[in-house]
Amino acid sequence: MSLLSMLTHTVYVASHASVNEYGKNTYGTPRAVKARVQGQQRNVRSQAGDEVVSSHVVYTAEEVLPTDRLWLPGKSTSSAEESNVPLTITSSPHPMSGVTLWKVEL
């Protein structure tokens, strides 16, 4: 079984595009990304250094940036309110396959 075959879910990721005239962030079109999603609550330290509770862990072979927005399976990409902000992001190369796996906590 390959590492990539374990990515059985689809999440949508929109990358930060710009800041509009009102100072609000704008994002590109959400793209489908193969992932593994696990519901898991745990305390993590956010990118801002605050202690927060994450509700999901998303594993993917595609890079996710701190400024990206993610929609979990079943959420509508037409609603920004249904998107998630990455709380933590770590990456690690898989020594056997050469694939870098990204772990995103939401």
C-alpha atoms as a PDB file:
ATOM      1  CA  MET A   1       0.000   0.000   0.000  1.00  0.00           C
ATOM      2  CA  SER A   2       1.455   3.356  -0.996  1.00  0.00           C
ATOM      3  CA  LEU A   3       1.409   6.437   1.164  1.00  0.00           C
ATOM      4  CA  LEU A   4      -0.676   8.332  -1.399  1.00  0.00           C
ATOM      5  CA  SER A   5      -3.339   5.590  -1.471  1.00  0.00           C
ATOM      6  CA  MET A   6      -4.128   6.456   2.160  1.00  0.00           C
ATOM      7  CA  LEU A   7      -5.281   9.942   1.124  1.00  0.00           C
ATOM      8  CA  THR A   8      -8.906   8.936   0.588  1.00  0.00           C
ATOM      9  CA  HIS A   9     -10.685  12.230   1.345  1.00  0.00           C
ATOM     10  CA  THR A  10     -10.943  15.428  -0.671  1.00  0.00           C
ATOM     11  CA  VAL A  11     -10.508  18.830   0.934  1.00  0.00           C
ATOM     12  CA  TYR A  12     -10.555  22.158  -0.861  1.00  0.00           C
ATOM     13  CA  VAL A  13      -7.770  24.689  -0.439  1.00  0.00           C
ATOM     14  CA  ALA A  14      -7.858  28.355  -1.473  1.00  0.00           C
ATOM     15  CA  SER A  15      -4.614  30.317  -1.493  1.00  0.00           C
ATOM     16  CA  HIS A  16      -4.340  33.936  -0.413  1.00  0.00           C
ATOM     17  CA  ALA A  17      -4.485  36.177  -3.497  1.00  0.00           C
ATOM     18  CA  SER A  18      -4.415  39.793  -2.308  1.00  0.00           C
ATOM     19  CA  VAL A  19      -5.881  42.394   0.009  1.00  0.00           C
ATOM     20  CA  ASN A  20      -8.839  44.409  -1.337  1.00  0.00           C
ATOM     21  CA  GLU A  21      -9.433  48.153  -0.987  1.00  0.00           C
ATOM     22  CA  TYR A  22     -11.204  47.551   2.344  1.00  0.00           C
ATOM     23  CA  GLY A  23      -8.224  45.712   3.833  1.00  0.00           C
ATOM     24  CA  LYS A  24      -9.885  42.276   3.571  1.00  0.00           C
ATOM     25  CA  ASN A  25      -7.957  39.252   2.356  1.00  0.00           C
ATOM     26  CA  THR A  26      -9.075  37.723  -0.925  1.00  0.00           C
ATOM     27  CA  TYR A  27      -8.465  34.157  -2.027  1.00  0.00           C
ATOM     28  CA  GLY A  28      -8.134  32.266  -5.294  1.00  0.00           C
ATOM     29  CA  THR A  29     -10.490  29.595  -6.524  1.00  0.00           C
ATOM     30  CA  PRO A  30     -10.543  26.589  -4.163  1.00  0.00           C
ATOM     31  CA  ARG A  31      -8.732  23.568  -5.589  1.00  0.00           C
ATOM     32  CA  ALA A  32      -9.424  19.931  -4.756  1.00  0.00           C
ATOM     33  CA  VAL A  33      -6.652  18.247  -2.754  1.00  0.00           C
ATOM     34  CA  LYS A  34      -6.461  14.551  -1.831  1.00  0.00           C
ATOM     35  CA  ALA A  35      -6.086  14.194   1.921  1.00  0.00           C
ATOM     36  CA  ARG A  36      -6.690  12.118   4.986  1.00  0.00           C
ATOM     37  CA  VAL A  37      -8.913  13.878   7.535  1.00  0.00           C
ATOM     38  CA  GLN A  38      -9.173  12.810  11.158  1.00  0.00           C
ATOM     39  CA  GLY A  39     -11.373  14.378  13.795  1.00  0.00           C
ATOM     40  CA  GLN A  40      -9.153  14.899  16.805  1.00  0.00           C
ATOM     41  CA  GLN A  41      -9.343  17.487  19.552  1.00  0.00           C
ATOM     42  CA  ARG A  42      -6.119  18.556  21.171  1.00  0.00           C
ATOM     43  CA  ASN A  43      -4.429  21.657  22.505  1.00  0.00           C
ATOM     44  CA  VAL A  44      -1.957  23.223  20.084  1.00  0.00           C
ATOM     45  CA  ARG A  45      -0.033  26.450  19.866  1.00  0.00           C
ATOM     46  CA  SER A  46      -1.324  28.529  16.932  1.00  0.00           C
ATOM     47  CA  GLN A  47       0.831  30.408  14.442  1.00  0.00           C
ATOM     48  CA  ALA A  48       0.275  33.528  16.578  1.00  0.00           C
ATOM     49  CA  GLY A  49       1.572  31.719  19.669  1.00  0.00           C
ATOM     50  CA  ASP A  50      -1.803  31.321  21.397  1.00  0.00           C
ATOM     51  CA  GLU A  51      -2.921  28.036  22.941  1.00  0.00           C
ATOM     52  CA  VAL A  52      -6.020  26.862  21.058  1.00  0.00           C
ATOM     53  CA  VAL A  53      -7.968  23.632  20.542  1.00  0.00           C
ATOM     54  CA  SER A  54      -7.749  21.973  17.144  1.00  0.00           C
ATOM     55  CA  SER A  55     -10.668  19.850  15.975  1.00  0.00           C
ATOM     56  CA  HIS A  56      -9.209  18.117  12.909  1.00  0.00           C
ATOM     57  CA  VAL A  57      -5.918  16.922  11.500  1.00  0.00           C
ATOM     58  CA  VAL A  58      -5.503  16.929   7.721  1.00  0.00           C
ATOM     59  CA  TYR A  59      -2.666  15.008   6.038  1.00  0.00           C
ATOM     60  CA  THR A  60      -1.878  15.791   2.403  1.00  0.00           C
ATOM     61  CA  ALA A  61       0.949  15.489  -0.106  1.00  0.00           C
ATOM     62  CA  GLU A  62       0.356  19.065  -1.328  1.00  0.00           C
ATOM     63  CA  GLU A  63       1.878  22.016   0.478  1.00  0.00           C
ATOM     64  CA  VAL A  64      -0.514  24.054   2.599  1.00  0.00           C
ATOM     65  CA  LEU A  65       0.508  27.567   3.629  1.00  0.00           C
ATOM     66  CA  PRO A  66      -0.441  29.422   6.823  1.00  0.00           C
ATOM     67  CA  THR A  67      -2.409  31.932   4.726  1.00  0.00           C
ATOM     68  CA  ASP A  68      -4.499  29.249   2.962  1.00  0.00           C
ATOM     69  CA  ARG A  69      -8.112  28.420   3.800  1.00  0.00           C
ATOM     70  CA  LEU A  70      -9.360  24.812   3.887  1.00  0.00           C
ATOM     71  CA  TRP A  71     -12.831  23.319   3.520  1.00  0.00           C
ATOM     72  CA  LEU A  72     -13.340  19.888   5.040  1.00  0.00           C
ATOM     73  CA  PRO A  73     -15.316  17.178   3.191  1.00  0.00           C
ATOM     74  CA  GLY A  74     -18.998  18.076   3.007  1.00  0.00           C
ATOM     75  CA  LYS A  75     -18.461  21.827   3.465  1.00  0.00           C
ATOM     76  CA  SER A  76     -19.508  24.299   0.764  1.00  0.00           C
ATOM     77  CA  THR A  77     -16.669  26.217  -0.868  1.00  0.00           C
ATOM     78  CA  SER A  78     -19.173  28.951  -1.750  1.00  0.00           C
ATOM     79  CA  SER A  79     -19.261  29.931   1.936  1.00  0.00           C
ATOM     80  CA  ALA A  80     -16.110  31.492   3.413  1.00  0.00           C
ATOM     81  CA  GLU A  81     -17.613  30.938   6.872  1.00  0.00           C
ATOM     82  CA  GLU A  82     -17.296  27.176   6.352  1.00  0.00           C
ATOM     83  CA  SER A  83     -13.561  27.392   5.687  1.00  0.00           C
ATOM     84  CA  ASN A  84     -10.883  26.682   8.281  1.00  0.00           C
ATOM     85  CA  VAL A  85      -7.682  28.532   9.073  1.00  0.00           C
ATOM     86  CA  PRO A  86      -4.610  26.347   9.622  1.00  0.00           C
ATOM     87  CA  LEU A  87      -3.582  26.459  13.284  1.00  0.00           C
ATOM     88  CA  THR A  88      -0.325  24.564  12.813  1.00  0.00           C
ATOM     89  CA  ILE A  89       1.439  23.155   9.770  1.00  0.00           C
ATOM     90  CA  THR A  90       4.311  20.685   9.774  1.00  0.00           C
ATOM     91  CA  SER A  91       5.929  18.797   6.945  1.00  0.00           C
ATOM     92  CA  SER A  92       8.038  15.686   6.849  1.00  0.00           C
ATOM     93  CA  PRO A  93       9.524  13.781   3.928  1.00  0.00           C
ATOM     94  CA  HIS A  94       8.634  10.120   3.816  1.00  0.00           C
ATOM     95  CA  PRO A  95      11.987   8.287   3.550  1.00  0.00           C
ATOM     96  CA  MET A  96      10.730   5.356   1.460  1.00  0.00           C
ATOM     97  CA  SER A  97       8.555   7.143  -1.102  1.00  0.00           C
ATOM     98  CA  GLY A  98      10.253  10.536  -1.285  1.00  0.00           C
ATOM     99  CA  VAL A  99       6.830  12.166  -0.818  1.00  0.00           C
ATOM    100  CA  THR A 100       6.587  15.095   1.599  1.00  0.00           C
ATOM    101  CA  LEU A 101       3.565  14.744   3.845  1.00  0.00           C
ATOM    102  CA  TRP A 102       1.950  17.893   5.241  1.00  0.00           C
ATOM    103  CA  LYS A 103       0.136  17.767   8.590  1.00  0.00           C
ATOM    104  CA  VAL A 104      -2.340  20.622   9.080  1.00  0.00           C
ATOM    105  CA  GLU A 105      -4.228  21.079  12.321  1.00  0.00           C
ATOM    106  CA  LEU A 106      -7.502  22.981  12.111  1.00  0.00           C
END
